[in-house]
Each structure stands twice: as structure tokens, then as C-alpha cells.
Protein backbone atom coordinates (compact mmCIF):
# COMPACT_ATOMS: atom_id res chain seq x y z
CA MET A 1 96.96 103.07 108.45
CA PRO A 2 97.09 106.16 110.32
CA VAL A 3 99.95 107.57 111.27
CA LYS A 4 101.97 108.41 114.59
CA ASP A 5 102.88 111.76 113.75
CA THR A 6 100.56 112.27 113.40
CA GLN A 7 66.51 104.61 103.70
CA ASP A 8 63.42 105.78 102.31
CA LYS A 9 59.19 104.40 102.21
CA ALA A 10 58.72 102.43 99.12
CA VAL A 11 56.14 104.60 97.23
CA THR A 12 53.30 101.44 96.27
CA SER A 13 51.81 102.18 93.32
CA SER A 14 47.99 101.01 93.71
CA ASP A 15 45.84 100.16 90.59
CA LYS A 16 42.97 102.21 91.53
CA ILE A 17 40.23 101.00 89.11
CA SER A 18 36.89 101.53 89.53
CA THR A 19 34.29 98.53 89.32
CA ASN A 20 31.68 99.16 86.19
CA ILE A 21 28.78 100.10 87.08
CA SER A 22 25.76 99.04 85.16
CA THR A 23 21.80 98.35 85.37
CA ASN A 24 19.03 96.43 83.69
CA ASN A 25 16.92 99.18 83.02
CA ASP A 26 15.78 99.54 80.06
CA ASN A 27 13.86 102.81 80.24
CA GLU A 28 16.65 104.97 81.79
CA ASN A 29 19.81 105.89 80.74
CA THR A 30 22.06 104.90 83.89
CA PRO A 31 25.71 106.61 83.69
CA VAL A 32 28.24 103.78 83.86
CA ALA A 33 31.54 104.63 85.69
CA LYS A 34 34.36 103.67 83.33
CA PRO A 35 37.49 101.44 84.69
CA VAL A 36 40.01 104.41 86.11
CA GLN A 37 43.64 103.61 84.31
CA SER A 38 45.67 105.11 87.68
CA VAL A 39 49.56 106.13 86.34
CA PRO A 40 51.82 104.26 88.66
CA GLU A 41 53.89 106.31 90.98
CA THR A 42 57.69 106.35 90.47
CA ALA A 43 59.60 105.68 93.27
CA ALA A 44 62.82 107.86 94.01
CA THR A 45 65.78 105.80 93.24
CA ASP A 46 68.63 109.32 93.69
CA LYS A 47 67.29 110.42 96.89
CA PRO A 48 69.92 112.98 98.53
CA GLU A 49 70.68 111.40 100.83
CA GLU A 50 71.58 108.15 99.16
CA ASN A 51 74.47 110.15 97.97
CA ILE A 52 75.82 111.54 101.25
CA GLY A 53 78.24 108.88 101.71
CA ARG A 54 79.71 109.22 98.20
CA LYS A 55 80.34 112.75 98.69
CA ILE A 56 82.11 112.66 101.59
CA ASN A 57 84.30 110.16 100.67
CA GLN A 58 84.84 112.28 97.32
CA LEU A 59 85.55 115.51 99.45
CA ARG A 60 87.63 113.82 102.60
CA LEU A 61 89.69 112.31 99.65
CA ALA A 62 90.48 115.26 98.05
CA LYS A 63 91.59 117.07 100.90
CA GLY A 64 93.98 113.61 101.48
CA TYR A 65 92.55 113.06 104.91
CA SER A 66 92.17 109.28 106.20
CA GLN A 67 88.89 108.75 107.49
CA ARG A 68 90.61 108.78 111.28
CA LYS A 69 91.80 112.65 110.73
CA LEU A 70 88.34 113.64 109.56
CA ALA A 71 86.84 111.78 112.58
CA ARG A 72 89.13 113.39 114.98
CA LEU A 73 89.10 117.12 113.40
CA ALA A 74 85.29 116.77 113.21
CA GLY A 75 85.05 115.36 116.79
CA LEU A 76 83.44 112.02 115.59
CA THR A 77 85.06 108.44 115.91
CA ASN A 78 86.35 106.96 112.78
CA THR A 79 83.52 104.01 112.99
CA SER A 80 81.21 106.98 112.59
CA ILE A 81 82.58 108.17 109.50
CA SER A 82 82.86 105.07 107.88
CA ALA A 83 79.25 104.42 108.47
CA ILE A 84 78.64 107.53 107.13
CA GLU A 85 80.53 106.94 104.18
CA ARG A 86 78.76 103.60 103.45
CA ASN A 87 75.45 105.13 103.81
CA LYS A 88 74.70 102.71 106.63
CA VAL A 89 73.80 105.59 108.59
CA SER A 90 72.61 109.15 107.75
CA PRO A 91 74.04 111.93 110.01
CA ALA A 92 72.28 114.05 111.49
CA VAL A 93 72.47 117.73 110.41
CA ASN A 94 74.83 119.13 113.23
CA THR A 95 77.04 116.07 112.25
CA LEU A 96 77.22 116.38 108.87
CA LYS A 97 77.37 120.54 109.19
CA ALA A 98 80.72 119.25 111.49
CA VAL A 99 82.22 117.37 108.78
CA LEU A 100 81.46 119.46 105.78
CA THR A 101 83.57 122.16 107.70
CA VAL A 102 86.40 120.12 108.17
CA LEU A 103 86.08 119.81 104.34
CA ASP A 104 85.93 123.22 103.32
CA SER A 105 82.32 122.96 102.21
CA ASP A 106 78.53 123.27 103.22
CA LEU A 107 75.06 122.59 103.31
CA ASN A 108 74.22 124.48 100.41
CA THR A 109 76.91 123.37 98.23
CA PHE A 110 76.82 120.15 99.23
CA PHE A 111 73.35 119.68 98.44
CA SER A 112 73.53 121.82 95.40
CA ASP A 113 71.94 120.84 91.95
CA ASP A 114 75.58 121.52 90.64
CA TRP A 115 77.46 118.92 91.75
CA GLU A 116 79.17 116.71 89.86
CA ASP A 117 80.97 113.56 90.67
CA ARG A 118 84.28 113.37 89.43
CA LYS A 119 84.77 110.36 86.70
CA ALA A 120 86.62 107.40 87.39
CA LYS A 121 89.79 106.39 85.94
CA VAL A 122 91.45 103.38 84.79
CA VAL A 123 94.78 104.74 85.25
CA VAL A 124 95.90 106.51 88.45
CA THR A 125 99.77 108.28 87.72
CA PRO A 126 101.80 108.87 90.76
CA LYS A 127 100.86 112.89 90.74
CA ASP A 128 97.18 111.19 90.93
CA LEU A 129 97.84 109.66 94.23
CA ILE A 130 96.50 111.15 97.41
CA GLU A 131 99.05 110.96 100.45
CA ILE A 132 97.02 110.57 103.70
CA SER A 133 99.44 110.77 106.43
CA GLU A 134 100.62 113.71 107.85
CA PRO A 135 102.94 116.16 106.72
CA SER A 136 105.48 115.83 109.21
CA SER A 137 105.24 111.94 109.54
CA ARG A 138 108.33 109.77 107.96
CA VAL A 139 105.69 107.25 107.14
CA SER A 140 104.06 107.72 103.90
CA LEU A 141 101.03 106.13 102.86
CA LYS A 142 99.57 107.08 99.36
CA GLN A 143 96.09 106.42 98.27
CA VAL A 144 95.41 104.85 94.80
CA TYR A 145 92.02 106.06 94.39
CA ASN A 146 90.62 107.00 90.80
CA HIS A 147 87.47 108.73 92.34
CA THR A 148 84.89 105.22 91.49
CA PRO A 149 81.48 106.06 92.92
CA THR A 150 81.79 102.67 94.33
CA LYS A 151 85.01 102.46 96.58
CA ASN A 152 84.77 98.88 98.14
CA LEU A 153 88.83 97.84 98.26
CA GLY A 154 91.33 100.58 99.28
CA PHE A 155 95.27 100.18 98.43
CA LEU A 156 98.31 102.04 99.49
CA ILE A 157 101.86 102.60 98.65
CA GLU A 158 103.52 102.88 101.56
CA VAL A 159 107.10 104.33 102.32
CA TYR A 160 108.60 103.84 105.91
CA GLN A 161 112.14 105.97 106.60
CA PRO A 162 114.52 104.53 108.71
CA ASN A 163 113.47 103.93 112.64
CA SER A 164 109.62 105.18 111.69
CA SER A 165 106.61 103.73 112.89
CA THR A 166 102.75 104.25 112.65
CA GLU A 167 100.41 104.82 115.26
CA GLU A 168 100.70 102.27 117.95
CA LYS A 169 97.61 100.08 118.40
CA ILE A 170 95.65 100.68 115.46
CA VAL A 171 92.28 99.28 114.91
CA HIS A 172 89.91 99.27 112.27
CA GLU A 173 87.29 97.30 110.81
CA GLY A 174 88.26 94.87 108.29
CA GLU A 175 90.63 92.65 106.55
CA GLU A 176 94.48 93.84 105.44
CA ILE A 177 96.93 92.28 103.09
CA GLY A 178 99.90 93.55 101.75
CA THR A 179 103.75 92.76 100.99
CA VAL A 180 107.11 94.00 102.02
CA ILE A 181 108.81 94.95 98.39
CA GLU A 182 111.79 96.60 100.01
CA GLY A 183 113.54 96.53 103.54
CA LYS A 184 112.09 94.99 106.69
CA ILE A 185 109.24 95.44 109.29
CA VAL A 186 108.39 94.60 112.36
CA ILE A 187 104.16 94.14 112.27
CA ARG A 188 102.95 93.69 115.84
CA VAL A 189 99.22 92.38 116.39
CA ASN A 190 97.87 92.43 119.74
CA GLU A 191 101.02 91.34 122.05
CA THR A 192 102.68 88.91 119.53
CA THR A 193 105.59 90.31 117.04
CA TYR A 194 106.19 89.53 113.29
CA LEU A 195 109.65 90.53 111.58
CA LEU A 196 108.63 90.01 108.12
CA ASN A 197 111.41 90.50 104.92
CA LYS A 198 111.64 91.64 101.66
CA GLY A 199 109.45 89.46 99.55
CA ASP A 200 107.29 88.38 102.51
CA SER A 201 103.36 89.21 102.89
CA TYR A 202 100.86 89.28 105.88
CA VAL A 203 97.00 88.67 106.41
CA ILE A 204 95.40 90.55 109.47
CA ASN A 205 92.35 91.08 110.98
CA THR A 206 92.45 94.87 111.80
CA ASN A 207 89.85 94.88 114.16
CA ASN A 208 93.05 93.58 116.01
CA PRO A 209 95.37 96.53 117.64
CA HIS A 210 98.23 96.55 115.41
CA THR A 211 101.67 98.57 114.52
CA PHE A 212 104.32 98.55 112.06
CA ILE A 213 107.56 99.48 112.57
CA ASN A 214 110.82 99.98 110.61
CA PRO A 215 113.52 98.94 112.88
CA THR A 216 116.62 99.33 110.42
CA ASN A 217 118.23 102.39 109.39
CA ALA A 218 117.08 101.60 105.81
CA ILE A 219 113.60 102.49 103.81
CA THR A 220 110.72 100.01 103.61
CA ARG A 221 108.10 100.11 101.07
CA ILE A 222 105.03 97.98 101.63
CA VAL A 223 102.32 97.78 99.29
CA SER A 224 98.88 96.57 100.98
CA ALA A 225 94.89 96.31 100.02
CA HIS A 226 92.25 96.55 102.73
CA THR A 227 88.71 95.88 102.85
CA PRO A 228 86.16 97.51 103.11
CA ALA A 229 88.02 101.11 102.11
CA THR A 230 88.61 102.54 105.62
CA PHE A 231 91.30 105.36 104.14
């Protein structure tokens, strides 16, 4: 949750088999065309464009940026970044350059043969968590990420300082589920407000505008999961 302070032509292999040509002429040695065995062409399965979304996702998380922050800095929409990272759309060159500039990279490095995916982890330690909220924010959103190439589920460890809140009326695709493990939280969805105490959980359609507020003088802690992984 952002914080207030903040596709390729299939290569068809045609068997080019010629027809045997023969003549019934006993007096002439008529050449006979032998069948031609064609070598099937191999469809490309690892085109660079198929890796664009995954690479951008890795670069973004390495910078500790949420999709919303990257979108804002690159002059795009959050929906656009989400679609690019999920390889739903292929970005134009200018769009990709703008995104890479924000991520301190460039086209040559991005498409270099030296690019290597970071190996996925099984255990993610506290020091490996990625803080995606703004440094000045009083709400901490730490992403649990193990560098897996296919990231379908997002998981956050959230800490709300006393009398803090997220950005108002957040909207992003998908569904979010969370549990309050300490303190209290007020969740405003559309125009309805809900008060959750320790042990309470919530399930919300994040296409609806929502805001998280800690109205107390104590710290509130939440763990949450969301899909698709838009943070």
C-alpha cells in the first residue's frame, strides 16, 4: 500500500518433402528426385521482450520502489507499470527508457547478455526485507521478496506509527487480505469505515478506494497479502 508521505509469430515448420518423380522409360536413366528431409525450425522461446517485465520488477524492488512510486517518477500510471511487469503489454522504447532512467539503468545494460537473474531464496531474513514506503513516512511497508522470477503474490509487514495513515483513497487491481497482530486500525473502503482490533482480519477488493488509519497513540502492526503482486 502506497504511503501518504508520501507476443511473437509462431515459427511454423513446414515439411518440405518433394514428390518422387519417376518415369517408366527402360531406355533412359531418368533422374529421380529423392525426398528432402527438412530440418524443423525452432521457435524462439526466450525472446528478450518476454523478460522485460521480470527485469523491471527486479530492478524496481532492488531500488525499494513501489509500482506507484515508479509510475509517478517515470510519468506513467500504476496500471501501466503493473501491465508491463506482468508482460501484458510491451512498452514503447521511449517508455522503457523513462522507466530505466528512474531505475538507474539504460537500454544497453538492460538488454546485455551479461544480465543474470538473482537466485530465488527460500528464507528471507529481516535484513532482506525491502522497504517500499517513503523514508519520511510514519508508515513502514516492508516487502517480503525472494527474487523469484514468477511473483504472483505480494506479502507485506506493515508498521503504523501512532496517529499515522496511508495515502487517501488508494486504488489498485486485485484483492488484499490482512490480519492485525498488534494495536488497532481503521480501514475506510469507499464511504464505509471499519475498526479492527488485534486478531481481526480483513478482505477487501482493492479496486475500491481505501485508506488505512491508525487513530491511536500506540503502534499498530499488520501482515497482509495481495494478488496480483502490484507492490
